């Protein structure tokens, strides 16, 4: 019967052992630097300019953001102050237009309320 399996060969693999008296040959490496072509030089300069301009844009944008945040904070402070002043003014208006105060002023100047059914209407 024929088998298609490969036979195992028991052959020893030859190992190279360096001889102590013989120096090992050293491979000389020939590393020559190739000069940059004009296209490569232009490409590197263009890439450096793009990178530098992007760095400047990032710094400029960050400064602009900080400036706008400062401005926003100032505006929010002003809005809070105006709201607080409005609340105080509303309280003052409510106090000055109260029915009790109007009656007090009317008595001070000798005025009387002829019609007791008249009421203040506030919008």
N, C-alpha and C. Protein backbone atom coordinates (compact mmCIF):
# COMPACT_ATOMS: atom_id res chain seq x y z
N UNK A 1 0.83 -1.15 0.00
CA UNK A 1 0.00 0.00 0.00
C UNK A 1 0.89 1.23 0.00
N UNK A 2 0.59 2.16 -0.88
CA UNK A 2 1.41 3.36 -1.02
C UNK A 2 0.91 4.42 -0.05
N UNK A 3 1.83 5.08 0.57
CA UNK A 3 1.48 6.11 1.55
C UNK A 3 1.93 7.47 1.01
N UNK A 4 1.12 8.44 1.22
CA UNK A 4 1.51 9.77 0.74
C UNK A 4 2.11 10.61 1.87
N UNK A 5 2.33 10.04 3.03
CA UNK A 5 2.95 10.75 4.13
C UNK A 5 4.46 10.80 3.92
N UNK A 6 5.03 11.88 4.31
CA UNK A 6 6.48 12.03 4.15
C UNK A 6 7.18 11.24 5.23
N UNK A 7 8.32 10.71 4.85
CA UNK A 7 9.10 9.95 5.82
C UNK A 7 9.95 10.91 6.64
N UNK A 8 10.17 10.53 7.87
CA UNK A 8 11.04 11.31 8.71
C UNK A 8 12.46 10.87 8.48
N UNK A 9 13.29 11.84 8.24
CA UNK A 9 14.69 11.54 8.03
C UNK A 9 15.43 11.82 9.32
N UNK A 10 16.22 10.94 9.73
CA UNK A 10 17.00 11.11 10.94
C UNK A 10 18.42 11.46 10.60
N UNK A 11 18.57 12.51 9.88
CA UNK A 11 19.91 12.94 9.54
C UNK A 11 20.31 14.06 10.48
N UNK A 12 21.49 14.01 10.98
CA UNK A 12 21.93 15.10 11.85
C UNK A 12 22.15 16.36 11.00
N UNK A 13 21.74 17.48 11.56
CA UNK A 13 21.93 18.74 10.83
C UNK A 13 23.33 19.23 11.12
N UNK A 14 24.02 19.60 10.09
CA UNK A 14 25.39 20.05 10.30
C UNK A 14 25.40 21.41 10.98
N UNK A 15 26.19 21.55 12.01
CA UNK A 15 26.32 22.81 12.72
C UNK A 15 27.69 23.38 12.46
N UNK A 16 27.69 24.65 12.21
CA UNK A 16 28.94 25.32 11.95
C UNK A 16 29.52 25.77 13.28
N UNK A 17 30.70 25.37 13.52
CA UNK A 17 31.38 25.83 14.73
C UNK A 17 32.57 26.65 14.28
N UNK A 18 32.72 27.82 14.86
CA UNK A 18 33.84 28.65 14.43
C UNK A 18 35.16 28.04 14.89
N UNK A 19 36.10 28.14 14.04
CA UNK A 19 37.44 27.63 14.40
C UNK A 19 38.13 28.68 15.25
N UNK A 20 38.77 28.28 16.29
CA UNK A 20 39.38 29.26 17.19
C UNK A 20 40.51 30.03 16.55
N UNK A 21 41.22 29.49 15.64
CA UNK A 21 42.37 30.17 15.06
C UNK A 21 41.99 31.09 13.92
N UNK A 22 40.84 30.90 13.36
CA UNK A 22 40.44 31.68 12.19
C UNK A 22 39.52 32.83 12.62
N UNK A 23 39.83 34.08 12.22
CA UNK A 23 38.93 35.19 12.55
C UNK A 23 37.65 35.10 11.70
N UNK A 24 36.57 35.52 12.30
CA UNK A 24 35.31 35.49 11.56
C UNK A 24 35.29 36.66 10.58
N UNK A 25 34.85 36.42 9.39
CA UNK A 25 34.82 37.51 8.41
C UNK A 25 33.73 38.52 8.78
N UNK A 26 34.10 39.77 8.73
CA UNK A 26 33.15 40.83 9.05
C UNK A 26 32.58 41.41 7.75
N UNK A 27 31.32 41.61 7.78
CA UNK A 27 30.65 42.15 6.61
C UNK A 27 30.78 43.67 6.66
N UNK A 28 31.28 44.20 5.60
CA UNK A 28 31.42 45.64 5.52
C UNK A 28 30.07 46.24 5.11
N UNK A 29 29.65 47.18 5.90
CA UNK A 29 28.38 47.82 5.56
C UNK A 29 28.69 49.10 4.79
N UNK A 30 28.07 49.21 3.71
CA UNK A 30 28.24 50.39 2.86
C UNK A 30 27.02 51.28 3.06
N UNK A 31 27.13 52.21 3.99
CA UNK A 31 26.03 53.13 4.23
C UNK A 31 26.38 54.47 3.62
N UNK A 32 25.83 54.68 2.48
CA UNK A 32 26.02 55.95 1.79
C UNK A 32 24.73 56.74 1.94
N UNK A 33 24.87 57.95 2.37
CA UNK A 33 23.69 58.81 2.46
C UNK A 33 23.40 59.39 1.10
N UNK A 34 22.16 59.25 0.74
CA UNK A 34 21.74 59.84 -0.52
C UNK A 34 21.36 61.29 -0.29
N UNK A 35 21.73 62.16 -1.15
CA UNK A 35 21.34 63.56 -0.98
C UNK A 35 19.84 63.72 -1.22
N UNK A 36 19.26 64.72 -0.55
CA UNK A 36 17.85 64.99 -0.75
C UNK A 36 17.64 65.62 -2.12
N UNK A 37 16.57 65.20 -2.74
CA UNK A 37 16.24 65.79 -4.04
C UNK A 37 15.57 67.15 -3.78
N UNK A 38 15.54 68.01 -4.76
CA UNK A 38 14.88 69.32 -4.58
C UNK A 38 13.41 69.18 -4.20
N UNK A 39 12.73 68.18 -4.74
CA UNK A 39 11.33 67.96 -4.39
C UNK A 39 11.19 67.62 -2.90
N UNK A 40 12.09 66.77 -2.41
CA UNK A 40 12.05 66.39 -0.99
C UNK A 40 12.34 67.59 -0.09
N UNK A 41 13.27 68.44 -0.52
CA UNK A 41 13.58 69.63 0.26
C UNK A 41 12.37 70.56 0.32
N UNK A 42 11.73 70.77 -0.82
CA UNK A 42 10.55 71.64 -0.86
C UNK A 42 9.43 71.04 -0.02
N UNK A 43 9.27 69.72 -0.10
CA UNK A 43 8.23 69.04 0.67
C UNK A 43 8.49 69.17 2.17
N UNK A 44 9.74 69.06 2.60
CA UNK A 44 10.07 69.20 4.02
C UNK A 44 9.85 70.64 4.48
N UNK A 45 10.22 71.61 3.68
CA UNK A 45 10.01 73.01 4.04
C UNK A 45 8.52 73.32 4.13
N UNK A 46 7.76 72.83 3.15
CA UNK A 46 6.31 73.04 3.17
C UNK A 46 5.69 72.39 4.40
N UNK A 47 6.10 71.19 4.73
CA UNK A 47 5.57 70.50 5.92
C UNK A 47 5.91 71.24 7.20
N UNK A 48 7.13 71.77 7.28
CA UNK A 48 7.54 72.53 8.47
C UNK A 48 6.72 73.81 8.57
N UNK A 49 6.49 74.49 7.45
CA UNK A 49 5.68 75.71 7.47
C UNK A 49 4.24 75.42 7.89
N UNK A 50 3.68 74.34 7.38
CA UNK A 50 2.32 73.97 7.76
C UNK A 50 2.25 73.67 9.26
N UNK A 51 3.21 72.91 9.77
CA UNK A 51 3.22 72.57 11.20
C UNK A 51 3.38 73.84 12.04
N UNK A 52 4.27 74.73 11.64
CA UNK A 52 4.50 75.97 12.39
C UNK A 52 3.25 76.85 12.37
N UNK A 53 2.61 76.96 11.21
CA UNK A 53 1.40 77.79 11.12
C UNK A 53 0.27 77.19 11.95
N UNK A 54 0.17 75.88 11.99
CA UNK A 54 -0.86 75.25 12.81
C UNK A 54 -0.59 75.48 14.30
N UNK A 55 0.67 75.48 14.71
CA UNK A 55 1.00 75.76 16.11
C UNK A 55 0.59 77.19 16.47
N UNK A 56 0.87 78.12 15.57
CA UNK A 56 0.50 79.52 15.81
C UNK A 56 -1.02 79.66 15.87
N UNK A 57 -1.74 78.96 14.99
CA UNK A 57 -3.19 79.01 15.01
C UNK A 57 -3.75 78.46 16.31
N UNK A 58 -3.17 77.39 16.83
CA UNK A 58 -3.65 76.80 18.09
C UNK A 58 -3.46 77.79 19.24
N UNK A 59 -2.29 78.41 19.31
CA UNK A 59 -2.02 79.37 20.38
C UNK A 59 -2.95 80.57 20.26
N UNK A 60 -3.14 81.07 19.05
CA UNK A 60 -4.04 82.21 18.83
C UNK A 60 -5.47 81.86 19.22
N UNK A 61 -5.92 80.68 18.85
CA UNK A 61 -7.27 80.24 19.19
C UNK A 61 -7.44 80.12 20.69
N UNK A 62 -6.44 79.58 21.37
CA UNK A 62 -6.53 79.44 22.83
C UNK A 62 -6.61 80.82 23.49
N UNK A 63 -5.81 81.76 23.02
CA UNK A 63 -5.86 83.11 23.58
C UNK A 63 -7.23 83.75 23.34
N UNK A 64 -7.78 83.54 22.16
CA UNK A 64 -9.10 84.08 21.85
C UNK A 64 -10.17 83.47 22.75
N UNK A 65 -10.08 82.17 22.98
CA UNK A 65 -11.06 81.49 23.84
C UNK A 65 -10.97 82.03 25.26
N UNK A 66 -9.77 82.21 25.77
CA UNK A 66 -9.60 82.74 27.13
C UNK A 66 -10.17 84.15 27.22
N UNK A 67 -9.92 84.96 26.20
CA UNK A 67 -10.44 86.33 26.20
C UNK A 67 -11.96 86.33 26.19
N UNK A 68 -12.57 85.49 25.38
CA UNK A 68 -14.03 85.44 25.30
C UNK A 68 -14.64 84.89 26.59
N UNK A 69 -13.96 83.94 27.24
CA UNK A 69 -14.45 83.43 28.52
C UNK A 69 -14.43 84.53 29.58
N UNK A 70 -13.38 85.34 29.56
CA UNK A 70 -13.29 86.46 30.49
C UNK A 70 -14.43 87.45 30.24
N UNK A 71 -14.67 87.73 28.98
CA UNK A 71 -15.75 88.66 28.62
C UNK A 71 -17.10 88.10 29.04
N UNK A 72 -17.32 86.79 28.82
CA UNK A 72 -18.57 86.15 29.21
C UNK A 72 -18.76 86.21 30.72
N UNK A 73 -17.69 85.98 31.46
CA UNK A 73 -17.77 86.05 32.92
C UNK A 73 -18.15 87.46 33.38
N UNK A 74 -17.56 88.49 32.75
CA UNK A 74 -17.91 89.88 33.09
C UNK A 74 -19.38 90.16 32.78
N UNK A 75 -19.86 89.69 31.64
CA UNK A 75 -21.27 89.92 31.27
C UNK A 75 -22.20 89.19 32.23
N UNK A 76 -21.84 87.99 32.63
CA UNK A 76 -22.68 87.26 33.58
C UNK A 76 -22.73 87.97 34.93
N UNK A 77 -21.62 88.55 35.35
CA UNK A 77 -21.60 89.31 36.59
C UNK A 77 -22.50 90.54 36.47
N UNK A 78 -22.43 91.24 35.33
CA UNK A 78 -23.29 92.40 35.13
C UNK A 78 -24.77 92.01 35.12
N UNK A 79 -25.09 90.90 34.49
CA UNK A 79 -26.48 90.43 34.44
C UNK A 79 -26.97 90.11 35.85
N UNK A 80 -26.14 89.45 36.64
CA UNK A 80 -26.52 89.12 38.02
C UNK A 80 -26.75 90.40 38.82
N UNK A 81 -25.90 91.42 38.64
CA UNK A 81 -26.07 92.69 39.36
C UNK A 81 -27.37 93.39 38.95
N UNK A 82 -27.67 93.39 37.66
CA UNK A 82 -28.90 94.04 37.18
C UNK A 82 -30.13 93.29 37.70
N UNK A 83 -30.08 91.97 37.71
CA UNK A 83 -31.21 91.19 38.24
C UNK A 83 -31.43 91.50 39.71
N UNK A 84 -30.35 91.59 40.46
CA UNK A 84 -30.45 91.89 41.88
C UNK A 84 -31.03 93.30 42.08
N UNK A 85 -30.60 94.24 41.27
CA UNK A 85 -31.13 95.61 41.35
C UNK A 85 -32.61 95.63 40.97
N UNK A 86 -33.01 94.84 39.98
CA UNK A 86 -34.42 94.77 39.58
C UNK A 86 -35.29 94.22 40.71
N UNK A 87 -34.79 93.21 41.39
CA UNK A 87 -35.55 92.64 42.51
C UNK A 87 -35.73 93.70 43.59
N UNK A 88 -34.66 94.43 43.89
CA UNK A 88 -34.77 95.50 44.89
C UNK A 88 -35.75 96.58 44.46
N UNK A 89 -35.70 96.96 43.18
CA UNK A 89 -36.62 97.98 42.67
C UNK A 89 -38.07 97.50 42.71
N UNK A 90 -38.31 96.23 42.39
CA UNK A 90 -39.67 95.69 42.45
C UNK A 90 -40.21 95.71 43.88
N UNK A 91 -39.34 95.39 44.83
CA UNK A 91 -39.76 95.43 46.22
C UNK A 91 -40.11 96.86 46.64
N UNK A 92 -39.32 97.81 46.17
CA UNK A 92 -39.58 99.21 46.50
C UNK A 92 -40.89 99.68 45.88
N UNK A 93 -41.14 99.29 44.63
CA UNK A 93 -42.40 99.67 43.96
C UNK A 93 -43.57 99.05 44.71
N UNK A 94 -43.46 97.81 45.11
CA UNK A 94 -44.54 97.15 45.84
C UNK A 94 -44.81 97.86 47.16
N UNK A 95 -43.74 98.25 47.84
CA UNK A 95 -43.90 98.95 49.10
C UNK A 95 -44.54 100.32 48.89
N UNK A 96 -44.09 101.06 47.87
CA UNK A 96 -44.61 102.42 47.65
C UNK A 96 -46.05 102.41 47.15
N UNK A 97 -46.50 101.37 46.49
CA UNK A 97 -47.86 101.34 45.95
C UNK A 97 -48.82 100.52 46.81
N UNK A 98 -48.42 100.17 48.00
CA UNK A 98 -49.32 99.39 48.86
C UNK A 98 -50.50 100.26 49.29
N UNK A 99 -51.63 99.62 49.54
CA UNK A 99 -52.86 100.31 49.93
C UNK A 99 -52.67 101.04 51.26
N UNK A 100 -51.95 100.45 52.17
CA UNK A 100 -51.75 101.07 53.48
C UNK A 100 -50.95 102.37 53.34
N UNK A 101 -49.95 102.37 52.50
CA UNK A 101 -49.14 103.58 52.32
C UNK A 101 -49.95 104.67 51.64
N UNK A 102 -50.76 104.27 50.64
CA UNK A 102 -51.60 105.27 49.96
C UNK A 102 -52.58 105.90 50.94
N UNK A 103 -53.16 105.12 51.84
CA UNK A 103 -54.09 105.67 52.83
C UNK A 103 -53.36 106.59 53.80
N UNK A 104 -52.12 106.22 54.15
CA UNK A 104 -51.32 107.04 55.05
C UNK A 104 -51.01 108.40 54.43
N UNK A 105 -50.66 108.41 53.17
CA UNK A 105 -50.35 109.66 52.48
C UNK A 105 -51.63 110.48 52.32
N UNK A 106 -52.75 109.83 52.03
CA UNK A 106 -54.02 110.55 51.88
C UNK A 106 -54.40 111.23 53.20
N UNK A 107 -54.21 110.56 54.29
CA UNK A 107 -54.52 111.16 55.59
C UNK A 107 -53.57 112.33 55.89
N UNK A 108 -52.31 112.20 55.47
CA UNK A 108 -51.31 113.25 55.72
C UNK A 108 -51.72 114.54 55.04
N UNK A 109 -52.28 114.45 53.84
CA UNK A 109 -52.66 115.64 53.08
C UNK A 109 -54.16 115.96 53.24
N UNK A 110 -54.84 115.25 54.09
CA UNK A 110 -56.25 115.53 54.36
C UNK A 110 -57.18 115.04 53.28
N UNK A 111 -56.84 114.01 52.59
CA UNK A 111 -57.69 113.44 51.53
C UNK A 111 -58.44 112.24 52.10
N UNK A 112 -59.61 112.01 51.55
CA UNK A 112 -60.39 110.85 51.98
C UNK A 112 -60.73 110.00 50.78
N UNK A 113 -61.02 108.77 51.07
CA UNK A 113 -61.39 107.81 50.02
C UNK A 113 -62.90 107.82 49.94
N UNK A 114 -63.43 108.42 48.87
CA UNK A 114 -64.87 108.55 48.73
C UNK A 114 -65.49 107.24 48.30
N UNK A 115 -64.78 106.48 47.55
CA UNK A 115 -65.33 105.23 47.04
C UNK A 115 -64.44 104.10 47.54
N UNK A 116 -64.93 103.32 48.46
CA UNK A 116 -64.14 102.25 49.06
C UNK A 116 -64.02 101.02 48.14
N UNK A 117 -64.79 101.03 47.06
CA UNK A 117 -64.72 99.88 46.16
C UNK A 117 -63.66 100.04 45.07
N UNK A 118 -62.92 101.13 45.10
CA UNK A 118 -61.87 101.34 44.12
C UNK A 118 -60.65 100.52 44.54
N UNK A 119 -60.05 99.84 43.60
CA UNK A 119 -58.89 98.98 43.89
C UNK A 119 -57.76 99.30 42.93
N UNK A 120 -56.53 99.01 43.40
CA UNK A 120 -55.37 99.16 42.53
C UNK A 120 -55.21 97.91 41.68
N UNK A 121 -54.94 98.12 40.44
CA UNK A 121 -54.70 97.00 39.54
C UNK A 121 -53.26 97.11 39.06
N UNK A 122 -52.51 96.09 39.33
CA UNK A 122 -51.11 96.07 38.90
C UNK A 122 -50.96 95.11 37.73
N UNK A 123 -50.21 95.51 36.81
CA UNK A 123 -49.99 94.68 35.62
C UNK A 123 -48.85 93.75 35.85
